[in-house]
Amino acid sequence: MFAYELHKVMHAELLRRADLQRLAGEATRARRARRTPRKESGRTVSTSGVRDRFTPAA
C-alpha cells in the first residue's frame, strides 16, 4: 500500500510541475507578444550591424 501512496504523491507532484511549466511558457509568450514592435510603414531597424561590431566570445 505504501508504494501506491508514494506513486500517487509523485504523480500529483509531476502534474503540479507540468502546470507550472505550462504557465511559465504562456507568460513568456505573452511577454514576447507585448514586446514585439508593431510594424510601421517605412521604418525598419537592422540589428545585423550590431553583431558585426563585436568579436565572438571564446
Protein backbone atom coordinates (compact mmCIF):
# COMPACT_ATOMS: atom_id res chain seq x y z
CA MET A 1 0.00 0.00 0.00
CA PHE A 2 2.91 2.34 0.74
CA ALA A 3 4.18 2.09 -2.84
CA TYR A 4 0.76 3.06 -4.21
CA GLU A 5 0.52 6.09 -1.92
CA LEU A 6 4.04 7.13 -2.91
CA HIS A 7 3.06 6.76 -6.57
CA LYS A 8 0.00 9.00 -6.05
CA VAL A 9 2.13 11.68 -4.35
CA MET A 10 4.74 11.61 -7.13
CA HIS A 11 2.04 11.71 -9.79
CA ALA A 12 0.45 14.77 -8.16
CA GLU A 13 3.86 16.46 -7.91
CA LEU A 14 4.61 15.83 -11.60
CA LEU A 15 1.22 17.24 -12.59
CA ARG A 16 1.89 20.33 -10.46
CA ARG A 17 5.31 20.85 -12.08
CA ALA A 18 3.84 20.42 -15.57
CA ASP A 19 1.20 23.04 -14.80
CA LEU A 20 3.87 25.46 -13.56
CA GLN A 21 5.99 24.95 -16.68
CA ARG A 22 2.98 25.44 -18.92
CA LEU A 23 2.03 28.62 -17.07
CA ALA A 24 5.60 29.94 -17.31
CA GLY A 25 5.63 29.26 -21.06
CA GLU A 26 2.33 31.07 -21.52
CA ALA A 27 3.65 34.05 -19.57
CA THR A 28 6.83 34.13 -21.68
CA ARG A 29 4.84 34.02 -24.91
CA ALA A 30 2.53 36.77 -23.67
CA ARG A 31 5.51 38.94 -22.71
CA ARG A 32 7.12 38.43 -26.11
CA ALA A 33 3.86 39.26 -27.87
CA ARG A 34 3.63 42.53 -25.93
CA ARG A 35 7.27 43.44 -26.62
CA THR A 36 7.11 42.77 -30.34
CA PRO A 37 7.04 46.17 -32.01
CA ARG A 38 4.23 46.88 -34.38
CA LYS A 39 5.30 47.29 -37.95
CA GLU A 40 5.18 50.88 -39.04
CA SER A 41 5.24 51.78 -42.68
CA GLY A 42 8.66 52.77 -43.96
CA ARG A 43 10.58 52.27 -40.72
CA THR A 44 12.78 49.25 -40.23
CA VAL A 45 15.67 48.71 -37.86
CA SER A 46 18.54 46.45 -38.83
CA THR A 47 20.18 44.58 -35.94
CA SER A 48 22.64 42.66 -38.08
CA GLY A 49 25.16 45.54 -37.93
CA VAL A 50 25.41 45.29 -34.16
CA ARG A 51 26.60 41.69 -34.32
CA ASP A 52 29.32 42.58 -36.82
CA ARG A 53 30.91 45.09 -34.43
CA PHE A 54 31.77 42.60 -31.68
CA THR A 55 34.04 39.61 -31.86
CA PRO A 56 32.60 36.29 -30.67
CA ALA A 57 33.49 35.09 -27.22
CA ALA A 58 35.97 32.27 -26.83
